[in-house]
Amino acid sequence: MNGGRERPGPVSAKLKAGDPLVQNEGVREAIALGAAAVPELVALLDLPDDDTRAQAMFALSEIADGRARTAFRRGLDDGDERVRSYAARGLGRLGDPAAMTAFVQTLGDAPDPLHADMTSSVDGLGRLGLVSVSSLLDLLMDPDMLVRLRAQRALELIVSRRHGFRAGQGFPSPVAEEEMRAQWQANGNYRYDASSEERAAAVSKWRRWAAEAKE
């Protein structure tokens, strides 16, 4: 008997192991378990170890079970940027109304080590489509150049997806890709490193485009 307390499951033991390879194995097992692993993973989010929390939140974002919704929202204020990023991703995968705000809040969290302009939240905003354009246009005028670059990448994803682009597949044809580039040019050829006057002119054109565009 354990005095009425539930013993930690094998997933918890592996995620707390401290060895990245063992932790990754635990993540794979948790994802394979799916919804059944959610309570165990949520409990791990209260631990002080950053790696354990990050691995648990990643697994939860992959499982995307509604019972983790509160954990995702709490995770946006975590001290570790990976946890925050995965929490926003989880809300996005649930289709939660707070996802867009979460993606904007975590836009710069946990960037790709080889591509500082790309984060999970950049991709998340790109996948949301037109609904996120207004927020992105505000960010295109941010004083921080890296914020502008990431917002530009998200807007590029939105426009590209409207022309048939899909991750891992690319554009459906060279014509579709050329049409996307032509649309970018027609709306001011926004560049994150351009002068504020040039950026403002492009943003104004994108606002008109967003008001007329339809999903």
N, C-alpha and C. Protein backbone atom coordinates (compact mmCIF):
# COMPACT_ATOMS: atom_id res chain seq x y z
N MET A 1 0.85 -1.20 0.00
CA MET A 1 0.00 0.00 0.00
C MET A 1 0.89 1.25 0.00
N ASN A 2 0.35 2.33 -0.58
CA ASN A 2 1.14 3.55 -0.62
C ASN A 2 0.45 4.70 0.09
N GLY A 3 -0.41 4.33 1.07
CA GLY A 3 -1.05 5.38 1.85
C GLY A 3 -2.05 6.19 1.08
N GLY A 4 -2.57 5.59 -0.02
CA GLY A 4 -3.58 6.29 -0.80
C GLY A 4 -3.00 7.21 -1.86
N ARG A 5 -1.67 7.36 -1.89
CA ARG A 5 -1.07 8.22 -2.88
C ARG A 5 -0.69 7.42 -4.11
N GLU A 6 -0.91 8.03 -5.28
CA GLU A 6 -0.61 7.36 -6.53
C GLU A 6 0.90 7.38 -6.78
N ARG A 7 1.44 6.24 -7.13
CA ARG A 7 2.87 6.16 -7.42
C ARG A 7 3.17 6.79 -8.78
N PRO A 8 4.35 7.42 -8.92
CA PRO A 8 4.71 7.98 -10.21
C PRO A 8 4.78 6.89 -11.27
N GLY A 9 4.27 7.20 -12.46
CA GLY A 9 4.29 6.24 -13.55
C GLY A 9 5.66 6.19 -14.21
N PRO A 10 5.85 5.25 -15.13
CA PRO A 10 7.14 5.12 -15.82
C PRO A 10 7.50 6.34 -16.65
N VAL A 11 6.50 7.02 -17.19
CA VAL A 11 6.77 8.24 -17.96
C VAL A 11 7.40 9.30 -17.06
N SER A 12 6.84 9.50 -15.88
CA SER A 12 7.38 10.49 -14.94
C SER A 12 8.82 10.17 -14.58
N ALA A 13 9.11 8.89 -14.33
CA ALA A 13 10.46 8.50 -13.95
C ALA A 13 11.45 8.84 -15.05
N LYS A 14 11.06 8.63 -16.30
CA LYS A 14 11.98 8.91 -17.41
C LYS A 14 12.14 10.40 -17.64
N LEU A 15 11.07 11.16 -17.51
CA LEU A 15 11.18 12.60 -17.73
C LEU A 15 11.96 13.29 -16.63
N LYS A 16 12.06 12.66 -15.46
CA LYS A 16 12.83 13.22 -14.35
C LYS A 16 14.25 12.64 -14.29
N ALA A 17 14.61 11.84 -15.27
CA ALA A 17 15.88 11.11 -15.21
C ALA A 17 17.11 12.01 -15.29
N GLY A 18 17.00 13.14 -15.98
CA GLY A 18 18.16 14.01 -16.14
C GLY A 18 18.99 13.68 -17.36
N ASP A 19 18.82 12.50 -17.92
CA ASP A 19 19.51 12.09 -19.14
C ASP A 19 18.61 12.43 -20.33
N PRO A 20 19.07 13.30 -21.25
CA PRO A 20 18.22 13.70 -22.38
C PRO A 20 17.70 12.53 -23.20
N LEU A 21 18.52 11.51 -23.39
CA LEU A 21 18.08 10.36 -24.18
C LEU A 21 16.94 9.62 -23.48
N VAL A 22 17.07 9.47 -22.17
CA VAL A 22 16.01 8.80 -21.41
C VAL A 22 14.75 9.67 -21.40
N GLN A 23 14.94 10.98 -21.25
CA GLN A 23 13.80 11.89 -21.27
C GLN A 23 13.07 11.83 -22.61
N ASN A 24 13.83 11.82 -23.70
CA ASN A 24 13.21 11.73 -25.02
C ASN A 24 12.42 10.44 -25.19
N GLU A 25 12.95 9.38 -24.63
CA GLU A 25 12.23 8.11 -24.67
C GLU A 25 10.91 8.22 -23.90
N GLY A 26 10.97 8.90 -22.76
CA GLY A 26 9.75 9.11 -21.98
C GLY A 26 8.73 9.95 -22.72
N VAL A 27 9.20 10.96 -23.45
CA VAL A 27 8.30 11.78 -24.25
C VAL A 27 7.60 10.94 -25.31
N ARG A 28 8.37 10.12 -26.00
CA ARG A 28 7.78 9.26 -27.05
C ARG A 28 6.73 8.32 -26.45
N GLU A 29 7.02 7.78 -25.28
CA GLU A 29 6.06 6.88 -24.64
C GLU A 29 4.80 7.63 -24.21
N ALA A 30 4.99 8.85 -23.71
CA ALA A 30 3.83 9.65 -23.28
C ALA A 30 2.93 9.97 -24.47
N ILE A 31 3.55 10.36 -25.58
CA ILE A 31 2.77 10.69 -26.78
C ILE A 31 2.03 9.45 -27.29
N ALA A 32 2.69 8.30 -27.22
CA ALA A 32 2.04 7.06 -27.66
C ALA A 32 0.85 6.72 -26.76
N LEU A 33 0.97 7.01 -25.46
CA LEU A 33 -0.14 6.77 -24.53
C LEU A 33 -1.31 7.72 -24.79
N GLY A 34 -1.00 8.91 -25.26
CA GLY A 34 -2.03 9.89 -25.57
C GLY A 34 -2.72 10.44 -24.34
N ALA A 35 -4.04 10.53 -24.39
CA ALA A 35 -4.82 11.15 -23.32
C ALA A 35 -4.55 10.53 -21.96
N ALA A 36 -4.24 9.24 -21.93
CA ALA A 36 -4.01 8.56 -20.66
C ALA A 36 -2.80 9.13 -19.91
N ALA A 37 -1.87 9.75 -20.64
CA ALA A 37 -0.67 10.29 -20.00
C ALA A 37 -0.84 11.71 -19.49
N VAL A 38 -1.95 12.36 -19.82
CA VAL A 38 -2.12 13.77 -19.50
C VAL A 38 -2.00 14.08 -18.00
N PRO A 39 -2.72 13.40 -17.12
CA PRO A 39 -2.60 13.74 -15.69
C PRO A 39 -1.17 13.64 -15.17
N GLU A 40 -0.46 12.60 -15.61
CA GLU A 40 0.92 12.41 -15.16
C GLU A 40 1.82 13.54 -15.67
N LEU A 41 1.61 13.95 -16.91
CA LEU A 41 2.42 15.02 -17.49
C LEU A 41 2.12 16.36 -16.83
N VAL A 42 0.86 16.64 -16.58
CA VAL A 42 0.48 17.90 -15.94
C VAL A 42 1.13 18.02 -14.56
N ALA A 43 1.18 16.91 -13.83
CA ALA A 43 1.79 16.92 -12.50
C ALA A 43 3.27 17.30 -12.56
N LEU A 44 3.93 16.93 -13.64
CA LEU A 44 5.36 17.23 -13.78
C LEU A 44 5.62 18.72 -13.97
N LEU A 45 4.62 19.48 -14.36
CA LEU A 45 4.81 20.90 -14.61
C LEU A 45 5.02 21.70 -13.33
N ASP A 46 4.81 21.06 -12.19
CA ASP A 46 5.04 21.74 -10.90
C ASP A 46 6.46 21.51 -10.38
N LEU A 47 7.25 20.74 -11.10
CA LEU A 47 8.62 20.45 -10.64
C LEU A 47 9.55 21.61 -10.95
N PRO A 48 10.62 21.79 -10.19
CA PRO A 48 11.53 22.91 -10.40
C PRO A 48 12.48 22.74 -11.59
N ASP A 49 12.68 21.50 -12.05
CA ASP A 49 13.64 21.27 -13.12
C ASP A 49 13.09 21.74 -14.47
N ASP A 50 13.80 22.67 -15.11
CA ASP A 50 13.34 23.24 -16.38
C ASP A 50 13.20 22.19 -17.48
N ASP A 51 14.18 21.31 -17.59
CA ASP A 51 14.15 20.30 -18.65
C ASP A 51 12.95 19.38 -18.51
N THR A 52 12.65 18.98 -17.29
CA THR A 52 11.51 18.10 -17.07
C THR A 52 10.21 18.80 -17.47
N ARG A 53 10.06 20.05 -17.05
CA ARG A 53 8.85 20.79 -17.40
C ARG A 53 8.73 20.98 -18.91
N ALA A 54 9.86 21.28 -19.55
CA ALA A 54 9.84 21.50 -20.99
C ALA A 54 9.46 20.23 -21.74
N GLN A 55 10.03 19.10 -21.33
CA GLN A 55 9.71 17.83 -21.98
C GLN A 55 8.23 17.47 -21.76
N ALA A 56 7.75 17.69 -20.54
CA ALA A 56 6.35 17.38 -20.24
C ALA A 56 5.41 18.26 -21.06
N MET A 57 5.74 19.56 -21.17
CA MET A 57 4.88 20.47 -21.93
C MET A 57 4.91 20.15 -23.41
N PHE A 58 6.07 19.75 -23.91
CA PHE A 58 6.14 19.35 -25.32
C PHE A 58 5.23 18.17 -25.59
N ALA A 59 5.30 17.17 -24.71
CA ALA A 59 4.45 15.99 -24.88
C ALA A 59 2.98 16.37 -24.83
N LEU A 60 2.62 17.25 -23.90
CA LEU A 60 1.24 17.69 -23.81
C LEU A 60 0.79 18.43 -25.07
N SER A 61 1.68 19.23 -25.64
CA SER A 61 1.32 19.95 -26.87
C SER A 61 1.13 19.00 -28.04
N GLU A 62 1.87 17.90 -28.03
CA GLU A 62 1.70 16.89 -29.08
C GLU A 62 0.40 16.12 -28.91
N ILE A 63 0.06 15.80 -27.68
CA ILE A 63 -1.17 15.06 -27.41
C ILE A 63 -2.39 15.94 -27.65
N ALA A 64 -2.28 17.21 -27.25
CA ALA A 64 -3.33 18.21 -27.48
C ALA A 64 -4.69 17.75 -26.96
N ASP A 65 -4.72 17.37 -25.71
CA ASP A 65 -5.96 16.97 -25.05
C ASP A 65 -6.53 18.16 -24.28
N GLY A 66 -7.85 18.33 -24.35
CA GLY A 66 -8.49 19.49 -23.73
C GLY A 66 -8.27 19.60 -22.24
N ARG A 67 -7.96 18.49 -21.57
CA ARG A 67 -7.74 18.56 -20.13
C ARG A 67 -6.45 19.30 -19.78
N ALA A 68 -5.60 19.54 -20.77
CA ALA A 68 -4.36 20.28 -20.52
C ALA A 68 -4.52 21.78 -20.77
N ARG A 69 -5.72 22.21 -21.10
CA ARG A 69 -5.94 23.61 -21.45
C ARG A 69 -5.45 24.56 -20.35
N THR A 70 -5.83 24.29 -19.13
CA THR A 70 -5.41 25.15 -18.02
C THR A 70 -3.90 25.13 -17.85
N ALA A 71 -3.30 23.96 -18.03
CA ALA A 71 -1.84 23.85 -17.93
C ALA A 71 -1.16 24.66 -19.02
N PHE A 72 -1.73 24.66 -20.21
CA PHE A 72 -1.16 25.45 -21.30
C PHE A 72 -1.22 26.94 -20.96
N ARG A 73 -2.34 27.38 -20.44
CA ARG A 73 -2.48 28.80 -20.12
C ARG A 73 -1.53 29.21 -18.99
N ARG A 74 -1.39 28.36 -18.00
CA ARG A 74 -0.44 28.65 -16.92
C ARG A 74 1.00 28.64 -17.44
N GLY A 75 1.27 27.76 -18.38
CA GLY A 75 2.63 27.62 -18.90
C GLY A 75 3.14 28.85 -19.62
N LEU A 76 2.24 29.72 -20.05
CA LEU A 76 2.67 30.95 -20.73
C LEU A 76 3.47 31.88 -19.83
N ASP A 77 3.37 31.68 -18.52
CA ASP A 77 4.10 32.51 -17.57
C ASP A 77 5.27 31.77 -16.94
N ASP A 78 5.61 30.61 -17.49
CA ASP A 78 6.72 29.83 -16.94
C ASP A 78 8.04 30.57 -17.14
N GLY A 79 9.00 30.30 -16.28
CA GLY A 79 10.30 30.95 -16.38
C GLY A 79 11.18 30.42 -17.50
N ASP A 80 10.81 29.29 -18.09
CA ASP A 80 11.60 28.69 -19.16
C ASP A 80 10.93 28.96 -20.50
N GLU A 81 11.69 29.48 -21.46
CA GLU A 81 11.10 29.87 -22.74
C GLU A 81 10.58 28.68 -23.54
N ARG A 82 11.18 27.50 -23.35
CA ARG A 82 10.67 26.33 -24.06
C ARG A 82 9.28 25.96 -23.57
N VAL A 83 9.10 26.02 -22.26
CA VAL A 83 7.79 25.72 -21.69
C VAL A 83 6.75 26.69 -22.23
N ARG A 84 7.09 27.97 -22.26
CA ARG A 84 6.15 28.98 -22.77
C ARG A 84 5.81 28.71 -24.23
N SER A 85 6.83 28.40 -25.01
CA SER A 85 6.61 28.14 -26.43
C SER A 85 5.71 26.94 -26.66
N TYR A 86 5.98 25.84 -25.96
CA TYR A 86 5.15 24.64 -26.11
C TYR A 86 3.73 24.86 -25.59
N ALA A 87 3.61 25.70 -24.55
CA ALA A 87 2.28 26.00 -24.02
C ALA A 87 1.44 26.72 -25.07
N ALA A 88 2.05 27.70 -25.73
CA ALA A 88 1.34 28.41 -26.80
C ALA A 88 0.98 27.45 -27.93
N ARG A 89 1.89 26.57 -28.26
CA ARG A 89 1.64 25.58 -29.31
C ARG A 89 0.45 24.70 -28.94
N GLY A 90 0.41 24.30 -27.68
CA GLY A 90 -0.70 23.48 -27.22
C GLY A 90 -2.04 24.18 -27.37
N LEU A 91 -2.09 25.47 -27.01
CA LEU A 91 -3.33 26.22 -27.16
C LEU A 91 -3.72 26.33 -28.63
N GLY A 92 -2.72 26.50 -29.49
CA GLY A 92 -2.99 26.56 -30.92
C GLY A 92 -3.58 25.26 -31.44
N ARG A 93 -3.02 24.15 -31.00
CA ARG A 93 -3.52 22.86 -31.47
C ARG A 93 -4.91 22.55 -30.95
N LEU A 94 -5.27 23.16 -29.81
CA LEU A 94 -6.63 22.99 -29.29
C LEU A 94 -7.62 23.93 -29.97
N GLY A 95 -7.11 24.89 -30.73
CA GLY A 95 -7.99 25.90 -31.31
C GLY A 95 -8.53 26.85 -30.27
N ASP A 96 -7.77 27.06 -29.20
CA ASP A 96 -8.21 27.90 -28.10
C ASP A 96 -8.25 29.37 -28.53
N PRO A 97 -9.27 30.13 -28.10
CA PRO A 97 -9.36 31.55 -28.47
C PRO A 97 -8.15 32.37 -28.02
N ALA A 98 -7.44 31.89 -27.01
CA ALA A 98 -6.28 32.62 -26.50
C ALA A 98 -5.00 32.33 -27.27
N ALA A 99 -5.09 31.47 -28.28
CA ALA A 99 -3.88 31.03 -28.98
C ALA A 99 -3.15 32.18 -29.66
N MET A 100 -3.88 33.07 -30.34
CA MET A 100 -3.22 34.15 -31.06
C MET A 100 -2.43 35.04 -30.11
N THR A 101 -3.06 35.43 -29.00
CA THR A 101 -2.37 36.25 -28.02
C THR A 101 -1.16 35.51 -27.45
N ALA A 102 -1.32 34.20 -27.25
CA ALA A 102 -0.21 33.40 -26.72
C ALA A 102 0.94 33.35 -27.70
N PHE A 103 0.64 33.23 -28.99
CA PHE A 103 1.70 33.19 -30.01
C PHE A 103 2.44 34.52 -30.07
N VAL A 104 1.71 35.61 -29.98
CA VAL A 104 2.35 36.93 -30.00
C VAL A 104 3.23 37.09 -28.77
N GLN A 105 2.73 36.68 -27.63
CA GLN A 105 3.47 36.79 -26.37
C GLN A 105 4.77 35.99 -26.41
N THR A 106 4.75 34.85 -27.09
CA THR A 106 5.92 33.96 -27.11
C THR A 106 6.62 33.97 -28.46
N LEU A 107 6.43 35.03 -29.23
CA LEU A 107 6.97 35.09 -30.59
C LEU A 107 8.47 34.81 -30.64
N GLY A 108 9.20 35.30 -29.64
CA GLY A 108 10.65 35.14 -29.65
C GLY A 108 11.18 34.01 -28.80
N ASP A 109 10.29 33.21 -28.21
CA ASP A 109 10.73 32.14 -27.32
C ASP A 109 11.22 30.91 -28.08
N ALA A 110 12.31 30.33 -27.59
CA ALA A 110 12.87 29.08 -28.09
C ALA A 110 13.06 29.07 -29.60
N PRO A 111 13.87 30.02 -30.13
CA PRO A 111 14.09 30.04 -31.58
C PRO A 111 14.89 28.83 -32.05
N ASP A 112 14.74 28.53 -33.31
CA ASP A 112 15.52 27.47 -33.94
C ASP A 112 17.01 27.84 -33.79
N PRO A 113 17.85 26.93 -33.27
CA PRO A 113 19.26 27.25 -33.05
C PRO A 113 19.98 27.72 -34.32
N LEU A 114 19.53 27.26 -35.48
CA LEU A 114 20.19 27.63 -36.74
C LEU A 114 19.47 28.74 -37.48
N HIS A 115 18.27 29.08 -37.02
CA HIS A 115 17.48 30.11 -37.71
C HIS A 115 16.76 30.95 -36.66
N ALA A 116 17.40 32.03 -36.23
CA ALA A 116 16.85 32.85 -35.15
C ALA A 116 15.53 33.50 -35.51
N ASP A 117 15.22 33.58 -36.81
CA ASP A 117 13.97 34.20 -37.22
C ASP A 117 12.78 33.27 -37.09
N MET A 118 13.02 31.97 -36.84
CA MET A 118 11.93 31.01 -36.79
C MET A 118 11.73 30.46 -35.37
N THR A 119 10.51 30.55 -34.91
CA THR A 119 10.11 29.95 -33.63
C THR A 119 8.81 29.20 -33.85
N SER A 120 8.44 28.40 -32.87
CA SER A 120 7.17 27.68 -32.95
C SER A 120 6.00 28.64 -33.06
N SER A 121 6.10 29.79 -32.39
CA SER A 121 5.01 30.75 -32.42
C SER A 121 4.95 31.51 -33.73
N VAL A 122 6.07 31.70 -34.40
CA VAL A 122 6.05 32.25 -35.76
C VAL A 122 5.23 31.33 -36.66
N ASP A 123 5.51 30.04 -36.57
CA ASP A 123 4.77 29.06 -37.36
C ASP A 123 3.30 29.04 -36.95
N GLY A 124 3.04 29.15 -35.64
CA GLY A 124 1.67 29.13 -35.16
C GLY A 124 0.85 30.28 -35.71
N LEU A 125 1.42 31.48 -35.72
CA LEU A 125 0.72 32.64 -36.26
C LEU A 125 0.50 32.47 -37.76
N GLY A 126 1.48 31.88 -38.44
CA GLY A 126 1.32 31.64 -39.87
C GLY A 126 0.17 30.69 -40.16
N ARG A 127 0.00 29.70 -39.31
CA ARG A 127 -1.06 28.72 -39.51
C ARG A 127 -2.45 29.27 -39.18
N LEU A 128 -2.49 30.29 -38.29
CA LEU A 128 -3.79 30.86 -37.95
C LEU A 128 -4.42 31.59 -39.13
N GLY A 129 -3.60 32.08 -40.03
CA GLY A 129 -4.14 32.76 -41.21
C GLY A 129 -4.54 34.20 -40.96
N LEU A 130 -5.56 34.65 -41.67
CA LEU A 130 -5.92 36.07 -41.67
C LEU A 130 -6.22 36.63 -40.28
N VAL A 131 -6.71 35.80 -39.39
CA VAL A 131 -7.09 36.29 -38.07
C VAL A 131 -5.92 36.91 -37.33
N SER A 132 -4.70 36.49 -37.66
CA SER A 132 -3.53 37.00 -36.94
C SER A 132 -2.84 38.17 -37.66
N VAL A 133 -3.33 38.54 -38.84
CA VAL A 133 -2.64 39.57 -39.63
C VAL A 133 -2.60 40.91 -38.91
N SER A 134 -3.70 41.30 -38.29
CA SER A 134 -3.73 42.61 -37.63
C SER A 134 -2.64 42.72 -36.57
N SER A 135 -2.49 41.68 -35.76
CA SER A 135 -1.45 41.69 -34.72
C SER A 135 -0.06 41.74 -35.35
N LEU A 136 0.12 41.01 -36.43
CA LEU A 136 1.42 40.98 -37.09
C LEU A 136 1.78 42.34 -37.68
N LEU A 137 0.80 43.04 -38.23
CA LEU A 137 1.09 44.34 -38.83
C LEU A 137 1.57 45.33 -37.79
N ASP A 138 1.04 45.23 -36.58
CA ASP A 138 1.54 46.09 -35.50
C ASP A 138 3.00 45.75 -35.20
N LEU A 139 3.32 44.47 -35.20
CA LEU A 139 4.68 44.04 -34.89
C LEU A 139 5.67 44.41 -36.00
N LEU A 140 5.18 44.59 -37.21
CA LEU A 140 6.06 44.97 -38.31
C LEU A 140 6.65 46.37 -38.12
N MET A 141 6.09 47.13 -37.19
CA MET A 141 6.62 48.46 -36.89
C MET A 141 7.29 48.50 -35.53
N ASP A 142 7.54 47.34 -34.93
CA ASP A 142 8.18 47.29 -33.61
C ASP A 142 9.61 47.85 -33.69
N PRO A 143 10.07 48.51 -32.64
CA PRO A 143 11.44 49.05 -32.66
C PRO A 143 12.52 47.97 -32.68
N ASP A 144 12.19 46.76 -32.26
CA ASP A 144 13.16 45.66 -32.24
C ASP A 144 13.19 44.98 -33.61
N MET A 145 14.37 44.99 -34.24
CA MET A 145 14.50 44.44 -35.59
C MET A 145 14.17 42.96 -35.64
N LEU A 146 14.56 42.20 -34.60
CA LEU A 146 14.31 40.76 -34.61
C LEU A 146 12.82 40.46 -34.47
N VAL A 147 12.11 41.28 -33.70
CA VAL A 147 10.65 41.13 -33.61
C VAL A 147 10.04 41.36 -34.98
N ARG A 148 10.50 42.39 -35.68
CA ARG A 148 9.98 42.68 -37.02
C ARG A 148 10.26 41.53 -37.98
N LEU A 149 11.46 40.97 -37.90
CA LEU A 149 11.82 39.87 -38.80
C LEU A 149 10.91 38.66 -38.56
N ARG A 150 10.67 38.33 -37.31
CA ARG A 150 9.81 37.18 -37.01
C ARG A 150 8.37 37.44 -37.45
N ALA A 151 7.91 38.67 -37.26
CA ALA A 151 6.56 39.01 -37.73
C ALA A 151 6.49 38.92 -39.24
N GLN A 152 7.55 39.35 -39.92
CA GLN A 152 7.59 39.25 -41.38
C GLN A 152 7.51 37.79 -41.81
N ARG A 153 8.23 36.92 -41.13
CA ARG A 153 8.22 35.50 -41.49
C ARG A 153 6.80 34.91 -41.32
N ALA A 154 6.12 35.31 -40.25
CA ALA A 154 4.77 34.80 -40.02
C ALA A 154 3.82 35.29 -41.12
N LEU A 155 3.94 36.57 -41.50
CA LEU A 155 3.09 37.09 -42.57
C LEU A 155 3.41 36.40 -43.89
N GLU A 156 4.68 36.14 -44.14
CA GLU A 156 5.06 35.40 -45.35
C GLU A 156 4.41 34.02 -45.38
N LEU A 157 4.36 33.37 -44.22
CA LEU A 157 3.73 32.05 -44.15
C LEU A 157 2.24 32.13 -44.47
N ILE A 158 1.58 33.15 -43.94
CA ILE A 158 0.15 33.31 -44.20
C ILE A 158 -0.11 33.49 -45.69
N VAL A 159 0.64 34.40 -46.31
CA VAL A 159 0.45 34.67 -47.73
C VAL A 159 0.82 33.44 -48.56
N SER A 160 1.90 32.78 -48.20
CA SER A 160 2.33 31.60 -48.94
C SER A 160 1.28 30.49 -48.87
N ARG A 161 0.72 30.28 -47.67
CA ARG A 161 -0.30 29.23 -47.52
C ARG A 161 -1.55 29.55 -48.33
N ARG A 162 -1.85 30.82 -48.49
CA ARG A 162 -2.99 31.20 -49.32
C ARG A 162 -2.74 30.89 -50.79
N HIS A 163 -1.47 30.71 -51.13
CA HIS A 163 -1.13 30.34 -52.51
C HIS A 163 -0.76 28.86 -52.61
N GLY A 164 -1.17 28.09 -51.62
CA GLY A 164 -1.02 26.64 -51.70
C GLY A 164 0.21 26.05 -51.06
N PHE A 165 1.06 26.90 -50.46
CA PHE A 165 2.28 26.38 -49.83
C PHE A 165 1.95 25.50 -48.64
N ARG A 166 2.67 24.38 -48.52
CA ARG A 166 2.53 23.50 -47.37
C ARG A 166 3.91 23.07 -46.91
N ALA A 167 4.13 23.09 -45.61
CA ALA A 167 5.43 22.72 -45.05
C ALA A 167 5.80 21.31 -45.49
N GLY A 168 7.04 21.16 -45.92
CA GLY A 168 7.52 19.87 -46.37
C GLY A 168 7.18 19.55 -47.81
N GLN A 169 6.30 20.36 -48.41
CA GLN A 169 5.90 20.12 -49.79
C GLN A 169 6.20 21.30 -50.71
N GLY A 170 6.22 22.49 -50.13
CA GLY A 170 6.46 23.68 -50.92
C GLY A 170 5.19 24.16 -51.62
N PHE A 171 5.37 24.95 -52.65
CA PHE A 171 4.25 25.46 -53.43
C PHE A 171 3.77 24.39 -54.41
N PRO A 172 2.49 24.41 -54.76
CA PRO A 172 1.99 23.40 -55.69
C PRO A 172 2.54 23.54 -57.10
N SER A 173 3.05 24.75 -57.44
CA SER A 173 3.61 24.96 -58.78
C SER A 173 4.48 26.21 -58.77
N PRO A 174 5.38 26.36 -59.74
CA PRO A 174 6.18 27.59 -59.84
C PRO A 174 5.29 28.82 -60.02
N VAL A 175 4.17 28.65 -60.70
CA VAL A 175 3.27 29.78 -60.91
C VAL A 175 2.71 30.27 -59.58
N ALA A 176 2.33 29.34 -58.71
CA ALA A 176 1.79 29.71 -57.40
C ALA A 176 2.83 30.47 -56.59
N GLU A 177 4.07 30.03 -56.65
CA GLU A 177 5.14 30.71 -55.92
C GLU A 177 5.35 32.11 -56.48
N GLU A 178 5.32 32.25 -57.78
CA GLU A 178 5.51 33.55 -58.40
C GLU A 178 4.36 34.50 -58.06
N GLU A 179 3.15 33.95 -57.98
CA GLU A 179 1.99 34.78 -57.61
C GLU A 179 2.13 35.29 -56.18
N MET A 180 2.67 34.44 -55.31
CA MET A 180 2.87 34.88 -53.93
C MET A 180 3.88 36.03 -53.89
N ARG A 181 4.98 35.87 -54.60
CA ARG A 181 6.02 36.91 -54.61
C ARG A 181 5.49 38.21 -55.23
N ALA A 182 4.64 38.09 -56.24
CA ALA A 182 4.05 39.27 -56.88
C ALA A 182 3.14 40.00 -55.90
N GLN A 183 2.40 39.23 -55.11
CA GLN A 183 1.52 39.85 -54.12
C GLN A 183 2.33 40.58 -53.05
N TRP A 184 3.43 39.99 -52.66
CA TRP A 184 4.29 40.64 -51.67
C TRP A 184 4.83 41.97 -52.22
N GLN A 185 5.25 41.95 -53.47
CA GLN A 185 5.75 43.17 -54.10
C GLN A 185 4.65 44.23 -54.20
N ALA A 186 3.45 43.79 -54.60
CA ALA A 186 2.34 44.72 -54.79
C ALA A 186 1.95 45.40 -53.48
N ASN A 187 2.20 44.74 -52.38
CA ASN A 187 1.86 45.31 -51.08
C ASN A 187 3.05 45.98 -50.40
N GLY A 188 3.94 46.48 -51.19
CA GLY A 188 5.01 47.33 -50.66
C GLY A 188 6.35 46.67 -50.44
N ASN A 189 6.44 45.36 -50.75
CA ASN A 189 7.71 44.65 -50.59
C ASN A 189 8.32 44.89 -49.22
N TYR A 190 7.53 44.63 -48.17
CA TYR A 190 7.99 44.89 -46.81
C TYR A 190 9.31 44.18 -46.53
N ARG A 191 10.23 44.92 -45.89
CA ARG A 191 11.50 44.37 -45.43
C ARG A 191 11.72 44.85 -44.00
N TYR A 192 11.99 43.92 -43.12
CA TYR A 192 12.14 44.25 -41.70
C TYR A 192 13.26 45.26 -41.44
N ASP A 193 14.27 45.32 -42.34
CA ASP A 193 15.41 46.21 -42.14
C ASP A 193 15.32 47.49 -42.97
N ALA A 194 14.16 47.74 -43.57
CA ALA A 194 13.98 48.96 -44.35
C ALA A 194 13.77 50.14 -43.40
N SER A 195 13.74 51.34 -43.96
CA SER A 195 13.50 52.53 -43.14
C SER A 195 12.09 52.50 -42.58
N SER A 196 11.87 53.25 -41.53
CA SER A 196 10.55 53.28 -40.91
C SER A 196 9.50 53.80 -41.89
N GLU A 197 9.89 54.75 -42.74
CA GLU A 197 8.95 55.28 -43.73
C GLU A 197 8.55 54.22 -44.74
N GLU A 198 9.53 53.44 -45.22
CA GLU A 198 9.23 52.38 -46.18
C GLU A 198 8.37 51.29 -45.54
N ARG A 199 8.69 50.97 -44.30
CA ARG A 199 7.91 49.93 -43.61
C ARG A 199 6.47 50.39 -43.38
N ALA A 200 6.31 51.65 -42.99
CA ALA A 200 4.97 52.19 -42.74
C ALA A 200 4.13 52.17 -44.01
N ALA A 201 4.75 52.50 -45.14
CA ALA A 201 4.01 52.50 -46.40
C ALA A 201 3.55 51.09 -46.75
N ALA A 202 4.43 50.10 -46.54
CA ALA A 202 4.07 48.71 -46.83
C ALA A 202 2.97 48.22 -45.88
N VAL A 203 3.11 48.55 -44.61
CA VAL A 203 2.10 48.12 -43.63
C VAL A 203 0.74 48.69 -43.97
N SER A 204 0.70 49.92 -44.43
CA SER A 204 -0.56 50.53 -44.83
C SER A 204 -1.22 49.74 -45.97
N LYS A 205 -0.41 49.30 -46.91
CA LYS A 205 -0.95 48.49 -48.03
C LYS A 205 -1.42 47.14 -47.54
N TRP A 206 -0.70 46.54 -46.61
CA TRP A 206 -1.11 45.24 -46.07
C TRP A 206 -2.41 45.36 -45.28
N ARG A 207 -2.61 46.49 -44.61
CA ARG A 207 -3.86 46.68 -43.88
C ARG A 207 -5.05 46.72 -44.85
N ARG A 208 -4.87 47.40 -45.97
CA ARG A 208 -5.94 47.44 -46.97
C ARG A 208 -6.19 46.03 -47.52
N TRP A 209 -5.10 45.31 -47.77
CA TRP A 209 -5.24 43.94 -48.28
C TRP A 209 -5.99 43.07 -47.28
N ALA A 210 -5.63 43.17 -46.00
CA ALA A 210 -6.25 42.34 -44.97
C ALA A 210 -7.74 42.64 -44.84
N ALA A 211 -8.11 43.92 -45.03
CA ALA A 211 -9.52 44.30 -44.91
C ALA A 211 -10.35 43.73 -46.05
N GLU A 212 -9.70 43.48 -47.19
CA GLU A 212 -10.42 42.98 -48.37
C GLU A 212 -10.31 41.47 -48.54
N ALA A 213 -9.30 40.88 -47.93
CA ALA A 213 -9.04 39.44 -48.13
C ALA A 213 -10.07 38.59 -47.40
N LYS A 214 -10.27 37.41 -47.91
CA LYS A 214 -11.19 36.44 -47.29
C LYS A 214 -10.50 35.08 -47.22
N GLU A 215 -10.83 34.34 -46.16
CA GLU A 215 -10.28 32.98 -46.03
C GLU A 215 -10.92 32.07 -47.10
